[in-house]
Amino acid sequence: MAQQMIIENRQGAEIFTGHDMCTKKVTEILGELHLPRGLLPLKDMEEVGYNRSTGFVWLKQKKETTHHFKKIGKNVWFAKEVTAQLEDKKATRMTGVKVKPLLI
């Protein structure tokens, strides 16, 4: 399903490759839309695409990762492909992300 959405939004999208360039562009995009810059802390990113007209963004990384957000005390799992619909101060329709509760 995520792959189909990427194909549909690829036309007219800005596409970036390479981990350093992808990290930079994700930070810029999140900043432009007034979203937390650390919202998508992905490792080993291979591709980032952003279709400004639809607000659709996708991120591809080499393997699945888990990140612990200290402020909320949650572990978050990210799939190889993460997609989202971004608007000003809003991220909706996220795929490839799961929150794992912290059990004490």
N, C-alpha and C. Protein backbone atom coordinates (compact mmCIF):
# COMPACT_ATOMS: atom_id res chain seq x y z
N MET A 1 0.82 -1.19 0.00
CA MET A 1 0.00 0.00 0.00
C MET A 1 0.86 1.26 0.00
N ALA A 2 1.90 1.29 0.85
CA ALA A 2 2.78 2.45 0.90
C ALA A 2 3.49 2.63 -0.44
N GLN A 3 3.91 1.52 -1.03
CA GLN A 3 4.62 1.59 -2.32
C GLN A 3 3.72 2.19 -3.39
N GLN A 4 2.45 1.84 -3.39
CA GLN A 4 1.51 2.38 -4.37
C GLN A 4 1.33 3.88 -4.18
N MET A 5 1.26 4.33 -2.94
CA MET A 5 1.12 5.76 -2.66
C MET A 5 2.37 6.52 -3.11
N ILE A 6 3.54 5.91 -2.95
CA ILE A 6 4.78 6.54 -3.39
C ILE A 6 4.77 6.70 -4.91
N ILE A 7 4.36 5.66 -5.62
CA ILE A 7 4.32 5.70 -7.08
C ILE A 7 3.36 6.79 -7.56
N GLU A 8 2.20 6.89 -6.92
CA GLU A 8 1.20 7.90 -7.30
C GLU A 8 1.70 9.32 -7.07
N ASN A 9 2.49 9.55 -6.02
CA ASN A 9 2.94 10.89 -5.67
C ASN A 9 4.34 11.23 -6.19
N ARG A 10 4.97 10.28 -6.86
CA ARG A 10 6.33 10.50 -7.37
C ARG A 10 6.37 11.59 -8.45
N GLN A 11 5.32 11.64 -9.26
CA GLN A 11 5.23 12.65 -10.32
C GLN A 11 5.16 14.05 -9.69
N GLY A 12 6.10 14.89 -10.01
CA GLY A 12 6.11 16.26 -9.49
C GLY A 12 6.72 16.40 -8.11
N ALA A 13 7.31 15.32 -7.58
CA ALA A 13 7.90 15.37 -6.24
C ALA A 13 9.39 15.71 -6.31
N GLU A 14 9.89 16.29 -5.23
CA GLU A 14 11.32 16.51 -5.07
C GLU A 14 11.87 15.23 -4.46
N ILE A 15 12.88 14.63 -5.09
CA ILE A 15 13.42 13.36 -4.61
C ILE A 15 14.91 13.53 -4.32
N PHE A 16 15.32 13.06 -3.15
CA PHE A 16 16.71 13.19 -2.71
C PHE A 16 17.23 11.81 -2.33
N THR A 17 18.51 11.57 -2.60
CA THR A 17 19.13 10.29 -2.25
C THR A 17 20.41 10.53 -1.47
N GLY A 18 20.83 9.51 -0.75
CA GLY A 18 22.03 9.60 0.08
C GLY A 18 21.66 10.03 1.49
N HIS A 19 22.24 9.38 2.48
CA HIS A 19 21.85 9.62 3.87
C HIS A 19 22.01 11.07 4.31
N ASP A 20 23.15 11.68 4.01
CA ASP A 20 23.39 13.05 4.46
C ASP A 20 22.41 14.03 3.85
N MET A 21 22.18 13.92 2.54
CA MET A 21 21.24 14.80 1.86
C MET A 21 19.82 14.57 2.37
N CYS A 22 19.44 13.31 2.58
CA CYS A 22 18.10 12.98 3.07
C CYS A 22 17.87 13.55 4.47
N THR A 23 18.85 13.39 5.34
CA THR A 23 18.72 13.92 6.71
C THR A 23 18.54 15.43 6.67
N LYS A 24 19.32 16.10 5.85
CA LYS A 24 19.23 17.56 5.73
C LYS A 24 17.85 17.97 5.22
N LYS A 25 17.36 17.31 4.19
CA LYS A 25 16.08 17.68 3.59
C LYS A 25 14.90 17.38 4.51
N VAL A 26 14.94 16.27 5.24
CA VAL A 26 13.87 15.96 6.18
C VAL A 26 13.79 17.05 7.25
N THR A 27 14.94 17.47 7.76
CA THR A 27 14.99 18.52 8.77
C THR A 27 14.42 19.82 8.20
N GLU A 28 14.78 20.16 6.97
CA GLU A 28 14.27 21.38 6.33
C GLU A 28 12.75 21.32 6.14
N ILE A 29 12.26 20.20 5.64
CA ILE A 29 10.82 20.05 5.38
C ILE A 29 10.04 20.17 6.68
N LEU A 30 10.49 19.48 7.73
CA LEU A 30 9.79 19.54 9.02
C LEU A 30 9.83 20.96 9.57
N GLY A 31 10.94 21.65 9.42
CA GLY A 31 11.06 23.03 9.89
C GLY A 31 10.12 23.97 9.14
N GLU A 32 10.02 23.81 7.82
CA GLU A 32 9.13 24.64 7.01
C GLU A 32 7.68 24.50 7.44
N LEU A 33 7.32 23.29 7.86
CA LEU A 33 5.93 23.01 8.22
C LEU A 33 5.68 23.13 9.72
N HIS A 34 6.64 23.71 10.44
CA HIS A 34 6.52 23.94 11.88
C HIS A 34 6.26 22.66 12.67
N LEU A 35 6.95 21.59 12.27
CA LEU A 35 6.88 20.31 12.97
C LEU A 35 8.20 20.08 13.69
N PRO A 36 8.22 19.28 14.77
CA PRO A 36 9.48 19.02 15.47
C PRO A 36 10.51 18.40 14.54
N ARG A 37 11.71 18.96 14.54
CA ARG A 37 12.77 18.51 13.63
C ARG A 37 13.19 17.06 13.90
N GLY A 38 12.99 16.57 15.09
CA GLY A 38 13.37 15.20 15.44
C GLY A 38 12.23 14.21 15.32
N LEU A 39 11.17 14.59 14.63
CA LEU A 39 9.98 13.74 14.51
C LEU A 39 10.28 12.42 13.79
N LEU A 40 11.17 12.44 12.82
CA LEU A 40 11.49 11.24 12.04
C LEU A 40 12.99 10.95 12.11
N PRO A 41 13.47 10.39 13.24
CA PRO A 41 14.90 10.14 13.40
C PRO A 41 15.33 8.82 12.76
N LEU A 42 15.36 8.77 11.45
CA LEU A 42 15.67 7.54 10.74
C LEU A 42 17.17 7.41 10.49
N LYS A 43 17.62 6.17 10.44
CA LYS A 43 19.04 5.88 10.23
C LYS A 43 19.23 5.29 8.84
N ASP A 44 20.38 5.55 8.25
CA ASP A 44 20.74 4.98 6.94
C ASP A 44 19.67 5.21 5.88
N MET A 45 19.19 6.45 5.76
CA MET A 45 18.18 6.77 4.76
C MET A 45 18.77 6.67 3.35
N GLU A 46 17.98 6.11 2.46
CA GLU A 46 18.39 5.96 1.07
C GLU A 46 17.69 6.95 0.15
N GLU A 47 16.43 7.28 0.47
CA GLU A 47 15.65 8.16 -0.40
C GLU A 47 14.60 8.91 0.40
N VAL A 48 14.42 10.17 0.06
CA VAL A 48 13.35 11.00 0.62
C VAL A 48 12.66 11.67 -0.55
N GLY A 49 11.34 11.63 -0.54
CA GLY A 49 10.57 12.30 -1.57
C GLY A 49 9.51 13.17 -0.93
N TYR A 50 9.31 14.35 -1.52
CA TYR A 50 8.31 15.28 -0.98
C TYR A 50 7.56 15.92 -2.13
N ASN A 51 6.27 15.70 -2.18
CA ASN A 51 5.42 16.31 -3.19
C ASN A 51 4.73 17.49 -2.52
N ARG A 52 5.20 18.68 -2.81
CA ARG A 52 4.68 19.89 -2.16
C ARG A 52 3.21 20.14 -2.48
N SER A 53 2.77 19.79 -3.67
CA SER A 53 1.38 20.07 -4.05
C SER A 53 0.39 19.20 -3.27
N THR A 54 0.78 17.97 -2.92
CA THR A 54 -0.13 17.09 -2.18
C THR A 54 0.23 17.00 -0.70
N GLY A 55 1.45 17.40 -0.33
CA GLY A 55 1.90 17.30 1.05
C GLY A 55 2.39 15.91 1.43
N PHE A 56 2.51 15.04 0.45
CA PHE A 56 2.91 13.65 0.71
C PHE A 56 4.43 13.55 0.79
N VAL A 57 4.92 12.86 1.81
CA VAL A 57 6.35 12.64 1.98
C VAL A 57 6.60 11.16 2.21
N TRP A 58 7.71 10.65 1.66
CA TRP A 58 8.10 9.27 1.93
C TRP A 58 9.59 9.23 2.23
N LEU A 59 9.95 8.27 3.08
CA LEU A 59 11.33 8.07 3.47
C LEU A 59 11.64 6.59 3.36
N LYS A 60 12.74 6.26 2.73
CA LYS A 60 13.17 4.87 2.62
C LYS A 60 14.51 4.74 3.32
N GLN A 61 14.62 3.70 4.16
CA GLN A 61 15.88 3.43 4.85
C GLN A 61 16.29 1.99 4.59
N LYS A 62 17.55 1.67 4.88
CA LYS A 62 18.08 0.34 4.56
C LYS A 62 17.41 -0.77 5.35
N LYS A 63 17.13 -0.51 6.63
CA LYS A 63 16.49 -1.54 7.46
C LYS A 63 15.59 -0.87 8.50
N GLU A 64 14.74 -1.67 9.09
CA GLU A 64 13.84 -1.17 10.14
C GLU A 64 14.67 -0.70 11.33
N THR A 65 14.17 0.33 12.03
CA THR A 65 14.89 0.84 13.21
C THR A 65 13.91 1.12 14.34
N THR A 66 14.47 1.19 15.53
CA THR A 66 13.71 1.57 16.72
C THR A 66 14.40 2.76 17.35
N HIS A 67 13.61 3.73 17.80
CA HIS A 67 14.16 4.92 18.44
C HIS A 67 13.41 5.16 19.74
N HIS A 68 14.14 5.53 20.80
CA HIS A 68 13.51 5.84 22.08
C HIS A 68 13.42 7.36 22.23
N PHE A 69 12.19 7.87 22.33
CA PHE A 69 11.97 9.29 22.57
C PHE A 69 11.92 9.51 24.08
N LYS A 70 12.94 10.15 24.61
CA LYS A 70 13.06 10.33 26.06
C LYS A 70 11.94 11.17 26.65
N LYS A 71 11.55 12.25 25.97
CA LYS A 71 10.54 13.16 26.53
C LYS A 71 9.18 12.50 26.72
N ILE A 72 8.82 11.57 25.85
CA ILE A 72 7.53 10.89 26.00
C ILE A 72 7.69 9.50 26.59
N GLY A 73 8.93 9.04 26.74
CA GLY A 73 9.19 7.74 27.34
C GLY A 73 8.67 6.57 26.53
N LYS A 74 8.75 6.68 25.20
CA LYS A 74 8.22 5.62 24.33
C LYS A 74 9.27 5.19 23.31
N ASN A 75 9.21 3.91 22.99
CA ASN A 75 10.00 3.38 21.88
C ASN A 75 9.13 3.42 20.64
N VAL A 76 9.70 3.87 19.53
CA VAL A 76 8.96 3.96 18.28
C VAL A 76 9.70 3.14 17.23
N TRP A 77 8.96 2.28 16.53
CA TRP A 77 9.51 1.43 15.49
C TRP A 77 9.22 2.06 14.14
N PHE A 78 10.23 2.12 13.27
CA PHE A 78 10.09 2.66 11.93
C PHE A 78 10.40 1.56 10.92
N ALA A 79 9.49 1.34 9.96
CA ALA A 79 9.68 0.35 8.90
C ALA A 79 10.71 0.85 7.89
N LYS A 80 11.02 0.01 6.90
CA LYS A 80 11.94 0.42 5.84
C LYS A 80 11.38 1.60 5.05
N GLU A 81 10.06 1.65 4.90
CA GLU A 81 9.40 2.75 4.19
C GLU A 81 8.43 3.43 5.14
N VAL A 82 8.58 4.73 5.29
CA VAL A 82 7.69 5.53 6.13
C VAL A 82 7.06 6.58 5.23
N THR A 83 5.73 6.72 5.33
CA THR A 83 5.04 7.73 4.54
C THR A 83 4.17 8.57 5.46
N ALA A 84 3.87 9.79 5.03
CA ALA A 84 3.00 10.66 5.81
C ALA A 84 2.44 11.76 4.92
N GLN A 85 1.32 12.28 5.35
CA GLN A 85 0.71 13.45 4.72
C GLN A 85 1.03 14.62 5.64
N LEU A 86 1.76 15.62 5.15
CA LEU A 86 2.19 16.73 5.99
C LEU A 86 1.48 18.02 5.60
N GLU A 87 1.07 18.75 6.63
CA GLU A 87 0.49 20.08 6.48
C GLU A 87 1.16 20.95 7.52
N ASP A 88 0.86 22.24 7.51
CA ASP A 88 1.43 23.14 8.50
C ASP A 88 1.01 22.70 9.90
N LYS A 89 1.98 22.38 10.73
CA LYS A 89 1.78 21.96 12.13
C LYS A 89 0.99 20.66 12.26
N LYS A 90 0.99 19.82 11.22
CA LYS A 90 0.17 18.61 11.26
C LYS A 90 0.77 17.50 10.40
N ALA A 91 0.84 16.29 10.96
CA ALA A 91 1.27 15.11 10.22
C ALA A 91 0.17 14.06 10.37
N THR A 92 -0.39 13.61 9.25
CA THR A 92 -1.48 12.63 9.29
C THR A 92 -1.17 11.47 8.37
N ARG A 93 -1.99 10.45 8.43
CA ARG A 93 -1.90 9.26 7.56
C ARG A 93 -0.49 8.68 7.52
N MET A 94 0.12 8.54 8.68
CA MET A 94 1.47 7.98 8.73
C MET A 94 1.41 6.46 8.60
N THR A 95 2.29 5.92 7.78
CA THR A 95 2.42 4.47 7.67
C THR A 95 3.87 4.11 7.97
N GLY A 96 4.07 2.89 8.44
CA GLY A 96 5.43 2.43 8.73
C GLY A 96 5.95 2.87 10.08
N VAL A 97 5.05 3.29 10.99
CA VAL A 97 5.45 3.76 12.32
C VAL A 97 4.56 3.08 13.36
N LYS A 98 5.19 2.52 14.40
CA LYS A 98 4.44 1.91 15.51
C LYS A 98 5.05 2.36 16.82
N VAL A 99 4.20 2.66 17.79
CA VAL A 99 4.67 3.05 19.12
C VAL A 99 4.61 1.83 20.02
N LYS A 100 5.72 1.57 20.68
CA LYS A 100 5.79 0.44 21.62
C LYS A 100 5.72 1.01 23.03
N PRO A 101 4.76 0.56 23.84
CA PRO A 101 4.68 1.06 25.21
C PRO A 101 5.86 0.59 26.04
N LEU A 102 6.29 1.44 26.93
CA LEU A 102 7.40 1.12 27.82
C LEU A 102 6.82 0.44 29.06
N LEU A 103 7.18 -0.81 29.27
CA LEU A 103 6.67 -1.56 30.42
C LEU A 103 7.69 -1.51 31.55
N ILE A 104 7.23 -1.12 32.71
CA ILE A 104 8.12 -1.04 33.88
C ILE A 104 7.65 -2.02 34.92
